[in-house]
C-alpha atoms as a PDB file:
ATOM      1  CA  MET A   1      -0.157  -0.101   0.206  1.00  0.00           C
ATOM      2  CA  ASN A   2       1.080   3.392  -0.702  1.00  0.00           C
ATOM      3  CA  GLU A   3       2.513   5.143   2.281  1.00  0.00           C
ATOM      4  CA  ASN A   4       0.833   8.518   1.815  1.00  0.00           C
ATOM      5  CA  ILE A   5      -2.575   6.898   2.167  1.00  0.00           C
ATOM      6  CA  ASN A   6      -4.458   5.964   5.317  1.00  0.00           C
ATOM      7  CA  VAL A   7      -3.814   2.289   6.263  1.00  0.00           C
ATOM      8  CA  PHE A   8      -6.147   0.416   8.373  1.00  0.00           C
ATOM      9  CA  LYS A   9      -4.325  -2.473  10.286  1.00  0.00           C
ATOM     10  CA  GLY A  10      -7.183  -3.729  12.423  1.00  0.00           C
ATOM     11  CA  ALA A  11      -7.523  -2.693  16.033  1.00  0.00           C
ATOM     12  CA  SER A  12      -7.083  -4.289  19.260  1.00  0.00           C
ATOM     13  CA  ASP A  13     -10.841  -5.027  20.006  1.00  0.00           C
ATOM     14  CA  TYR A  14     -11.604  -5.727  16.288  1.00  0.00           C
ATOM     15  CA  ILE A  15     -10.247  -8.988  14.652  1.00  0.00           C
ATOM     16  CA  ALA A  16     -10.594  -8.739  10.865  1.00  0.00           C
ATOM     17  CA  ASP A  17      -9.395 -11.433   8.387  1.00  0.00           C
ATOM     18  CA  ASP A  18      -6.673 -10.311   5.704  1.00  0.00           C
ATOM     19  CA  ASP A  19      -9.206 -10.149   2.999  1.00  0.00           C
ATOM     20  CA  LEU A  20     -11.130  -7.653   4.725  1.00  0.00           C
ATOM     21  CA  LEU A  21      -8.351  -5.697   5.593  1.00  0.00           C
ATOM     22  CA  LEU A  22      -7.239  -5.614   2.085  1.00  0.00           C
ATOM     23  CA  THR A  23     -10.523  -4.606   0.761  1.00  0.00           C
ATOM     24  CA  ALA A  24     -11.050  -1.756   3.194  1.00  0.00           C
ATOM     25  CA  ASN A  25      -7.584  -0.305   2.541  1.00  0.00           C
ATOM     26  CA  ILE A  26      -8.322  -0.503  -1.379  1.00  0.00           C
ATOM     27  CA  ALA A  27     -11.777   0.857  -0.734  1.00  0.00           C
ATOM     28  CA  ILE A  28     -10.202   3.819   1.232  1.00  0.00           C
ATOM     29  CA  ALA A  29      -7.233   4.391  -1.465  1.00  0.00           C
ATOM     30  CA  MET A  30      -9.801   4.636  -4.406  1.00  0.00           C
ATOM     31  CA  ASN A  31     -12.243   6.832  -2.468  1.00  0.00           C
ATOM     32  CA  LYS A  32     -15.167   4.298  -3.116  1.00  0.00           C
ATOM     33  CA  PRO A  33     -17.717   3.373  -0.362  1.00  0.00           C
ATOM     34  CA  LEU A  34     -17.218   0.181   1.284  1.00  0.00           C
ATOM     35  CA  LEU A  35     -20.228  -2.042   1.391  1.00  0.00           C
ATOM     36  CA  VAL A  36     -19.948  -4.852   3.834  1.00  0.00           C
ATOM     37  CA  LYS A  37     -22.834  -7.283   3.973  1.00  0.00           C
ATOM     38  CA  GLY A  38     -23.717 -10.276   6.811  1.00  0.00           C
ATOM     39  CA  GLU A  39     -25.837 -11.434   9.407  1.00  0.00           C
ATOM     40  CA  PRO A  40     -26.510  -9.267  12.443  1.00  0.00           C
ATOM     41  CA  GLY A  41     -23.599  -9.631  14.847  1.00  0.00           C
ATOM     42  CA  THR A  42     -20.758  -9.999  12.412  1.00  0.00           C
ATOM     43  CA  GLY A  43     -18.873  -6.924  13.171  1.00  0.00           C
ATOM     44  CA  LYS A  44     -20.418  -4.696  10.427  1.00  0.00           C
ATOM     45  CA  THR A  45     -21.095  -1.561  12.395  1.00  0.00           C
ATOM     46  CA  ALA A  46     -17.981  -2.123  14.363  1.00  0.00           C
ATOM     47  CA  LEU A  47     -15.922  -2.086  11.512  1.00  0.00           C
ATOM     48  CA  ALA A  48     -16.516   1.645  10.945  1.00  0.00           C
ATOM     49  CA  GLU A  49     -15.812   2.216  14.555  1.00  0.00           C
ATOM     50  CA  ALA A  50     -12.619   0.420  14.549  1.00  0.00           C
ATOM     51  CA  ILE A  51     -11.490   2.130  11.124  1.00  0.00           C
ATOM     52  CA  ALA A  52     -12.299   5.596  12.777  1.00  0.00           C
ATOM     53  CA  GLY A  53     -10.376   4.931  16.094  1.00  0.00           C
ATOM     54  CA  ALA A  54      -7.491   3.121  14.238  1.00  0.00           C
ATOM     55  CA  LEU A  55      -7.085   6.071  11.911  1.00  0.00           C
ATOM     56  CA  GLY A  56      -7.888   8.807  14.493  1.00  0.00           C
ATOM     57  CA  LYS A  57     -10.652  10.178  12.698  1.00  0.00           C
ATOM     58  CA  LYS A  58     -13.881  11.542  13.658  1.00  0.00           C
ATOM     59  CA  LEU A  59     -17.008   8.921  13.040  1.00  0.00           C
ATOM     60  CA  ILE A  60     -20.432  10.310  11.902  1.00  0.00           C
ATOM     61  CA  VAL A  61     -23.142   7.525  11.935  1.00  0.00           C
ATOM     62  CA  TRP A  62     -26.175   7.883   9.710  1.00  0.00           C
ATOM     63  CA  SER A  63     -28.672   5.103  11.087  1.00  0.00           C
ATOM     64  CA  ILE A  64     -30.918   4.192   8.532  1.00  0.00           C
ATOM     65  CA  LYS A  65     -34.795   3.325   9.436  1.00  0.00           C
ATOM     66  CA  SER A  66     -37.700   2.432   7.050  1.00  0.00           C
ATOM     67  CA  THR A  67     -38.787   6.017   6.936  1.00  0.00           C
ATOM     68  CA  THR A  68     -35.287   7.446   5.875  1.00  0.00           C
ATOM     69  CA  GLN A  69     -35.383   9.240   2.982  1.00  0.00           C
ATOM     70  CA  ALA A  70     -31.934  10.178   0.965  1.00  0.00           C
ATOM     71  CA  GLN A  71     -32.988  14.077   1.470  1.00  0.00           C
ATOM     72  CA  ASP A  72     -32.533  13.449   5.367  1.00  0.00           C
ATOM     73  CA  GLY A  73     -28.680  12.730   5.089  1.00  0.00           C
ATOM     74  CA  LEU A  74     -28.037  15.932   2.968  1.00  0.00           C
ATOM     75  CA  TYR A  75     -30.007  18.667   4.699  1.00  0.00           C
ATOM     76  CA  GLU A  76     -33.089  19.820   5.828  1.00  0.00           C
ATOM     77  CA  TYR A  77     -35.255  23.065   5.467  1.00  0.00           C
ATOM     78  CA  ASP A  78     -36.924  24.226   8.354  1.00  0.00           C
ATOM     79  CA  VAL A  79     -39.744  26.015   6.525  1.00  0.00           C
ATOM     80  CA  VAL A  80     -42.019  25.976   9.529  1.00  0.00           C
ATOM     81  CA  ARG A  81     -39.524  27.657  11.903  1.00  0.00           C
ATOM     82  CA  ARG A  82     -38.950  30.309   9.519  1.00  0.00           C
ATOM     83  CA  LEU A  83     -42.778  31.137   8.764  1.00  0.00           C
ATOM     84  CA  TYR A  84     -43.076  31.146  12.698  1.00  0.00           C
ATOM     85  CA  ASP A  85     -40.274  33.571  13.112  1.00  0.00           C
ATOM     86  CA  SER A  86     -41.972  35.556  10.198  1.00  0.00           C
ATOM     87  CA  GLN A  87     -45.113  35.669  11.977  1.00  0.00           C
ATOM     88  CA  LEU A  88     -43.596  37.146  15.214  1.00  0.00           C
ATOM     89  CA  GLY A  89     -41.372  39.499  13.502  1.00  0.00           C
ATOM     90  CA  ASN A  90     -38.086  38.255  14.446  1.00  0.00           C
ATOM     91  CA  GLU A  91     -35.143  39.322  12.711  1.00  0.00           C
ATOM     92  CA  GLY A  92     -32.988  37.624  10.286  1.00  0.00           C
ATOM     93  CA  VAL A  93     -36.040  35.818   8.459  1.00  0.00           C
ATOM     94  CA  GLU A  94     -34.824  36.842   5.066  1.00  0.00           C
ATOM     95  CA  ASP A  95     -31.354  34.738   5.715  1.00  0.00           C
ATOM     96  CA  ILE A  96     -32.423  31.190   4.527  1.00  0.00           C
ATOM     97  CA  LYS A  97     -29.278  29.619   5.650  1.00  0.00           C
ATOM     98  CA  ARG A  98     -30.310  30.001   9.177  1.00  0.00           C
ATOM     99  CA  TYR A  99     -33.035  27.511   8.567  1.00  0.00           C
ATOM    100  CA  ILE A 100     -30.794  24.986   6.644  1.00  0.00           C
ATOM    101  CA  LYS A 101     -29.585  22.457   8.860  1.00  0.00           C
ATOM    102  CA  LEU A 102     -27.080  19.821   7.541  1.00  0.00           C
ATOM    103  CA  GLY A 103     -27.761  15.987   7.434  1.00  0.00           C
ATOM    104  CA  LYS A 104     -24.837  13.432   8.247  1.00  0.00           C
ATOM    105  CA  ILE A 105     -23.870  13.242   4.749  1.00  0.00           C
ATOM    106  CA  GLY A 106     -23.674  16.974   4.839  1.00  0.00           C
ATOM    107  CA  GLU A 107     -21.794  17.066   8.123  1.00  0.00           C
ATOM    108  CA  ALA A 108     -19.125  14.653   6.608  1.00  0.00           C
ATOM    109  CA  PHE A 109     -18.708  16.792   3.486  1.00  0.00           C
ATOM    110  CA  THR A 110     -18.106  20.089   5.422  1.00  0.00           C
ATOM    111  CA  SER A 111     -15.661  18.537   8.033  1.00  0.00           C
ATOM    112  CA  ASP A 112     -12.531  20.228   8.485  1.00  0.00           C
ATOM    113  CA  GLU A 113     -10.877  17.004   8.458  1.00  0.00           C
ATOM    114  CA  GLN A 114     -11.348  13.688   6.829  1.00  0.00           C
ATOM    115  CA  CYS A 115     -13.865  11.626   8.750  1.00  0.00           C
ATOM    116  CA  VAL A 116     -15.607   8.148   8.449  1.00  0.00           C
ATOM    117  CA  LEU A 117     -18.886   8.197   7.454  1.00  0.00           C
ATOM    118  CA  LEU A 118     -21.077   5.009   8.513  1.00  0.00           C
ATOM    119  CA  ILE A 119     -24.451   4.522   6.427  1.00  0.00           C
ATOM    120  CA  ASP A 120     -25.709   1.854   8.927  1.00  0.00           C
ATOM    121  CA  GLU A 121     -28.422  -0.981   7.629  1.00  0.00           C
ATOM    122  CA  ILE A 122     -29.005   0.843   4.286  1.00  0.00           C
ATOM    123  CA  ASP A 123     -31.472  -2.054   3.310  1.00  0.00           C
ATOM    124  CA  LYS A 124     -34.073  -0.947   6.043  1.00  0.00           C
ATOM    125  CA  ALA A 125     -34.909   1.908   3.512  1.00  0.00           C
ATOM    126  CA  ASP A 126     -37.105   1.771   0.464  1.00  0.00           C
ATOM    127  CA  LEU A 127     -35.685   0.247  -2.846  1.00  0.00           C
ATOM    128  CA  GLU A 128     -35.173   3.810  -4.328  1.00  0.00           C
ATOM    129  CA  PHE A 129     -33.073   5.118  -1.298  1.00  0.00           C
ATOM    130  CA  PRO A 130     -29.569   3.709  -2.568  1.00  0.00           C
ATOM    131  CA  ASN A 131     -30.286   5.051  -5.925  1.00  0.00           C
ATOM    132  CA  ASP A 132     -31.176   8.522  -4.600  1.00  0.00           C
ATOM    133  CA  LEU A 133     -27.890   8.810  -3.402  1.00  0.00           C
ATOM    134  CA  LEU A 134     -25.661   8.064  -6.092  1.00  0.00           C
ATOM    135  CA  TRP A 135     -24.796  11.457  -7.430  1.00  0.00           C
ATOM    136  CA  GLU A 136     -23.930  12.478  -3.806  1.00  0.00           C
ATOM    137  CA  LEU A 137     -21.544   9.538  -3.299  1.00  0.00           C
ATOM    138  CA  ASP A 138     -20.165   9.474  -6.754  1.00  0.00           C
ATOM    139  CA  ARG A 139     -19.632  13.177  -7.108  1.00  0.00           C
ATOM    140  CA  MET A 140     -19.202  13.999  -3.449  1.00  0.00           C
ATOM    141  CA  GLU A 141     -21.410  17.095  -3.818  1.00  0.00           C
ATOM    142  CA  PHE A 142     -25.091  18.004  -3.622  1.00  0.00           C
ATOM    143  CA  TYR A 143     -27.077  21.396  -4.252  1.00  0.00           C
ATOM    144  CA  ILE A 144     -29.240  23.201  -1.989  1.00  0.00           C
ATOM    145  CA  PRO A 145     -31.603  25.117  -4.196  1.00  0.00           C
ATOM    146  CA  GLU A 146     -33.182  27.264  -1.261  1.00  0.00           C
ATOM    147  CA  THR A 147     -29.847  28.775  -1.002  1.00  0.00           C
ATOM    148  CA  ASP A 148     -28.299  28.363  -4.625  1.00  0.00           C
ATOM    149  CA  GLU A 149     -25.346  26.775  -2.925  1.00  0.00           C
ATOM    150  CA  THR A 150     -23.379  23.560  -3.865  1.00  0.00           C
ATOM    151  CA  ILE A 151     -21.931  21.740  -0.879  1.00  0.00           C
ATOM    152  CA  ARG A 152     -18.700  19.943  -1.878  1.00  0.00           C
ATOM    153  CA  ALA A 153     -16.815  17.422   0.307  1.00  0.00           C
ATOM    154  CA  LYS A 154     -13.806  19.468   1.867  1.00  0.00           C
ATOM    155  CA  HIS A 155     -12.031  16.278   2.311  1.00  0.00           C
ATOM    156  CA  VAL A 156     -13.535  12.927   0.638  1.00  0.00           C
ATOM    157  CA  PRO A 157     -14.951  10.773   3.753  1.00  0.00           C
ATOM    158  CA  ILE A 158     -14.098   7.141   4.249  1.00  0.00           C
ATOM    159  CA  VAL A 159     -17.643   5.683   3.601  1.00  0.00           C
ATOM    160  CA  VAL A 160     -18.689   2.444   5.363  1.00  0.00           C
ATOM    161  CA  ILE A 161     -22.123   0.936   4.217  1.00  0.00           C
ATOM    162  CA  THR A 162     -23.551  -1.831   6.051  1.00  0.00           C
ATOM    163  CA  SER A 163     -26.333  -4.378   5.012  1.00  0.00           C
ATOM    164  CA  ASN A 164     -28.041  -7.224   6.639  1.00  0.00           C
ATOM    165  CA  ALA A 165     -28.844  -8.524   3.301  1.00  0.00           C
ATOM    166  CA  GLU A 166     -32.625  -8.309   3.996  1.00  0.00           C
ATOM    167  CA  LYS A 167     -33.202  -6.976   0.288  1.00  0.00           C
ATOM    168  CA  GLU A 168     -31.351  -6.401  -2.946  1.00  0.00           C
ATOM    169  CA  LEU A 169     -29.622  -3.496  -3.577  1.00  0.00           C
ATOM    170  CA  PRO A 170     -29.751  -1.891  -6.950  1.00  0.00           C
ATOM    171  CA  ASP A 171     -27.172  -2.886  -9.541  1.00  0.00           C
ATOM    172  CA  ALA A 172     -26.467   0.806 -10.243  1.00  0.00           C
ATOM    173  CA  PHE A 173     -25.410   1.548  -6.728  1.00  0.00           C
ATOM    174  CA  LEU A 174     -23.603  -1.582  -6.225  1.00  0.00           C
ATOM    175  CA  ARG A 175     -21.427  -0.795  -9.114  1.00  0.00           C
ATOM    176  CA  ARG A 176     -20.195   2.157  -7.210  1.00  0.00           C
ATOM    177  CA  CYS A 177     -19.299   0.420  -4.205  1.00  0.00           C
ATOM    178  CA  ALA A 178     -16.175  -1.871  -3.099  1.00  0.00           C
ATOM    179  CA  PHE A 179     -18.191  -4.929  -1.852  1.00  0.00           C
ATOM    180  CA  HIS A 180     -17.162  -7.520   0.873  1.00  0.00           C
ATOM    181  CA  TYR A 181     -19.453  -9.941   2.795  1.00  0.00           C
ATOM    182  CA  ILE A 182     -18.430 -10.877   6.151  1.00  0.00           C
ATOM    183  CA  ALA A 183     -18.919 -14.583   6.602  1.00  0.00           C
ATOM    184  CA  PHE A 184     -19.775 -15.780  10.456  1.00  0.00           C
ATOM    185  CA  PRO A 185     -16.609 -16.397  12.159  1.00  0.00           C
ATOM    186  CA  ASP A 186     -15.755 -20.143  12.925  1.00  0.00           C
ATOM    187  CA  LYS A 187     -14.604 -21.333  16.478  1.00  0.00           C
ATOM    188  CA  GLU A 188     -10.860 -20.445  16.112  1.00  0.00           C
ATOM    189  CA  LEU A 189     -11.774 -16.913  14.841  1.00  0.00           C
ATOM    190  CA  MET A 190     -14.590 -16.715  17.557  1.00  0.00           C
ATOM    191  CA  ARG A 191     -11.871 -17.632  20.332  1.00  0.00           C
ATOM    192  CA  LYS A 192      -9.650 -14.696  18.981  1.00  0.00           C
ATOM    193  CA  ILE A 193     -12.684 -12.167  19.059  1.00  0.00           C
ATOM    194  CA  VAL A 194     -13.415 -13.185  22.429  1.00  0.00           C
ATOM    195  CA  LEU A 195      -9.850 -12.891  23.761  1.00  0.00           C
ATOM    196  CA  SER A 196      -9.569  -9.302  22.302  1.00  0.00           C
ATOM    197  CA  HIS A 197     -12.595  -8.465  24.537  1.00  0.00           C
ATOM    198  CA  TYR A 198     -11.527 -10.698  27.649  1.00  0.00           C
ATOM    199  CA  PRO A 199      -7.749 -11.413  27.564  1.00  0.00           C
ATOM    200  CA  ASN A 200      -8.073 -12.865  30.911  1.00  0.00           C
ATOM    201  CA  ILE A 201     -10.924 -15.518  30.533  1.00  0.00           C
ATOM    202  CA  GLU A 202     -10.158 -19.069  31.795  1.00  0.00           C
ATOM    203  CA  ASP A 203      -9.373 -21.617  29.372  1.00  0.00           C
ATOM    204  CA  GLU A 204     -12.193 -23.772  30.677  1.00  0.00           C
ATOM    205  CA  LEU A 205     -14.905 -21.200  30.401  1.00  0.00           C
ATOM    206  CA  MET A 206     -13.576 -20.157  27.064  1.00  0.00           C
ATOM    207  CA  ASP A 207     -13.792 -23.724  25.729  1.00  0.00           C
ATOM    208  CA  GLN A 208     -17.377 -24.406  27.213  1.00  0.00           C
ATOM    209  CA  VAL A 209     -18.890 -21.140  26.101  1.00  0.00           C
ATOM    210  CA  LEU A 210     -17.490 -21.701  22.541  1.00  0.00           C
ATOM    211  CA  ASP A 211     -18.879 -25.226  22.559  1.00  0.00           C
ATOM    212  CA  ALA A 212     -22.393 -23.934  23.931  1.00  0.00           C
ATOM    213  CA  PHE A 213     -22.624 -21.018  21.530  1.00  0.00           C
ATOM    214  CA  PHE A 214     -21.789 -23.269  18.492  1.00  0.00           C
ATOM    215  CA  PHE A 215     -24.048 -25.905  19.567  1.00  0.00           C
ATOM    216  CA  VAL A 216     -26.955 -23.300  19.710  1.00  0.00           C
ATOM    217  CA  ARG A 217     -25.983 -21.835  16.326  1.00  0.00           C
ATOM    218  CA  GLN A 218     -26.397 -25.175  14.513  1.00  0.00           C
ATOM    219  CA  LYS A 219     -30.075 -25.579  15.595  1.00  0.00           C
ATOM    220  CA  ASP A 220     -31.582 -24.627  12.299  1.00  0.00           C
ATOM    221  CA  GLU A 221     -34.962 -24.639  13.720  1.00  0.00           C
ATOM    222  CA  LEU A 222     -34.005 -21.271  15.640  1.00  0.00           C
ATOM    223  CA  LYS A 223     -35.769 -18.308  14.626  1.00  0.00           C
ATOM    224  CA  LYS A 224     -32.960 -16.205  15.606  1.00  0.00           C
ATOM    225  CA  LYS A 225     -29.431 -17.355  16.328  1.00  0.00           C
ATOM    226  CA  PRO A 226     -27.067 -15.625  18.817  1.00  0.00           C
ATOM    227  CA  SER A 227     -24.880 -13.482  17.410  1.00  0.00           C
ATOM    228  CA  THR A 228     -21.232 -12.438  18.371  1.00  0.00           C
ATOM    229  CA  SER A 229     -22.333  -9.573  20.647  1.00  0.00           C
ATOM    230  CA  GLU A 230     -24.840 -12.053  22.262  1.00  0.00           C
ATOM    231  CA  LEU A 231     -21.953 -14.349  23.179  1.00  0.00           C
ATOM    232  CA  LEU A 232     -19.720 -11.445  24.753  1.00  0.00           C
ATOM    233  CA  ASP A 233     -22.726 -10.461  26.718  1.00  0.00           C
ATOM    234  CA  TRP A 234     -23.214 -14.070  27.807  1.00  0.00           C
ATOM    235  CA  ILE A 235     -19.652 -14.346  29.041  1.00  0.00           C
ATOM    236  CA  LYS A 236     -19.811 -10.870  30.748  1.00  0.00           C
ATOM    237  CA  ALA A 237     -23.054 -12.118  32.575  1.00  0.00           C
ATOM    238  CA  LEU A 238     -21.487 -15.525  33.541  1.00  0.00           C
ATOM    239  CA  THR A 239     -18.371 -13.893  34.830  1.00  0.00           C
ATOM    240  CA  LEU A 240     -20.391 -11.428  37.096  1.00  0.00           C
ATOM    241  CA  SER A 241     -22.595 -14.190  38.135  1.00  0.00           C
ATOM    242  CA  GLY A 242     -20.005 -15.949  40.170  1.00  0.00           C
ATOM    243  CA  LEU A 243     -21.433 -19.170  39.000  1.00  0.00           C
ATOM    244  CA  PRO A 244     -19.029 -22.352  38.927  1.00  0.00           C
ATOM    245  CA  THR A 245     -17.455 -22.979  35.425  1.00  0.00           C
ATOM    246  CA  ASN A 246     -18.538 -26.489  35.772  1.00  0.00           C
ATOM    247  CA  ARG A 247     -22.052 -25.666  35.631  1.00  0.00           C
ATOM    248  CA  LEU A 248     -22.215 -25.080  32.065  1.00  0.00           C
ATOM    249  CA  ARG A 249     -21.804 -28.843  31.869  1.00  0.00           C
ATOM    250  CA  GLN A 250     -24.997 -29.329  33.571  1.00  0.00           C
ATOM    251  CA  ASP A 251     -27.269 -26.860  31.934  1.00  0.00           C
ATOM    252  CA  MET A 252     -27.088 -23.251  30.321  1.00  0.00           C
ATOM    253  CA  PRO A 253     -27.414 -20.658  33.053  1.00  0.00           C
ATOM    254  CA  LEU A 254     -28.335 -17.254  32.124  1.00  0.00           C
ATOM    255  CA  ALA A 255     -29.112 -18.455  28.657  1.00  0.00           C
ATOM    256  CA  GLY A 256     -31.346 -15.381  28.275  1.00  0.00           C
ATOM    257  CA  PHE A 257     -28.433 -13.229  27.358  1.00  0.00           C
ATOM    258  CA  LEU A 258     -27.764 -15.718  24.532  1.00  0.00           C
ATOM    259  CA  VAL A 259     -30.877 -16.624  23.140  1.00  0.00           C
ATOM    260  CA  LYS A 260     -33.669 -14.047  22.932  1.00  0.00           C
ATOM    261  CA  LYS A 261     -36.976 -15.551  21.861  1.00  0.00           C
ATOM    262  CA  ASP A 262     -39.031 -17.742  23.868  1.00  0.00           C
ATOM    263  CA  GLU A 263     -39.469 -20.455  21.661  1.00  0.00           C
ATOM    264  CA  ASP A 264     -35.985 -20.772  20.729  1.00  0.00           C
ATOM    265  CA  LEU A 265     -35.093 -20.961  24.384  1.00  0.00           C
ATOM    266  CA  GLU A 266     -37.165 -23.870  24.688  1.00  0.00           C
ATOM    267  CA  ILE A 267     -35.431 -25.609  21.677  1.00  0.00           C
ATOM    268  CA  VAL A 268     -32.211 -24.829  23.137  1.00  0.00           C
ATOM    269  CA  LYS A 269     -32.884 -25.927  26.784  1.00  0.00           C
ATOM    270  CA  LYS A 270     -34.317 -29.372  25.594  1.00  0.00           C
ATOM    271  CA  GLY A 271     -31.549 -30.144  23.307  1.00  0.00           C
ATOM    272  CA  TYR A 272     -28.895 -29.099  25.879  1.00  0.00           C
ATOM    273  CA  GLY A 273     -30.640 -31.231  28.309  1.00  0.00           C
ATOM    274  CA  ILE A 274     -28.694 -34.222  26.966  1.00  0.00           C
ATOM    275  CA  ARG A 275     -25.898 -35.224  29.495  1.00  0.00           C
ATOM    276  CA  GLY A 276     -22.356 -35.348  28.305  1.00  0.00           C
ATOM    277  CA  LEU A 277     -22.852 -32.635  25.648  1.00  0.00           C
ATOM    278  CA  PHE A 278     -19.432 -31.621  26.162  1.00  0.00           C
END
């Protein structure tokens, strides 16, 4: 990699494989948005946080909802407030800029230093949402007609876009992105992830929680399989509880931190009840 560009080498609390690191760095070097897909809990959002932390850059997060419009990320013109001020005879009503509030993309473009812009869970919005951002993300600018002003990026932000793959994204949008699918970690990688968060975890506890976790994950009938973040929460709960480690050989204590649906909990408890599972 060119020594004059940002290079993301990972973070102490974020374990990434070589392919993800290479893809992220190439996307940064090419000024391309990095689109990361994967099931919930595979570290998509945490990747943007890790890049920002490792490179010492501000993180701007735009969390997408089903009602989010592309315009929301650019700017908002508060016409109601302006009308209200006009009715009250307040000064400065003629200055429309006072009533323009930049969205998260606007904030990233006007930042005095390069920042990391996370567009989180883009697939929650409607199908036209990604297409509506094509010009802005491609040209790194947008136009505000109310003030006849074009906002151009002072510094091209590092853009990370996450998707849970709940719906397909438009081809035109995909062409403009670098893409990486984060597969769910295998047991060995998960061990490294756990160690990055709990470096002092006992070996016996580590072995047993990983065995239990992947036993649960292989249950195809579960409506919601536990994620990495839920495994980490479960380990924390077990540690705080003071329960003996060998308790995990008998049942699954505090399973509500790992499995979050009643029917899934019943399935897990029933299967886990087989003695000598470990």
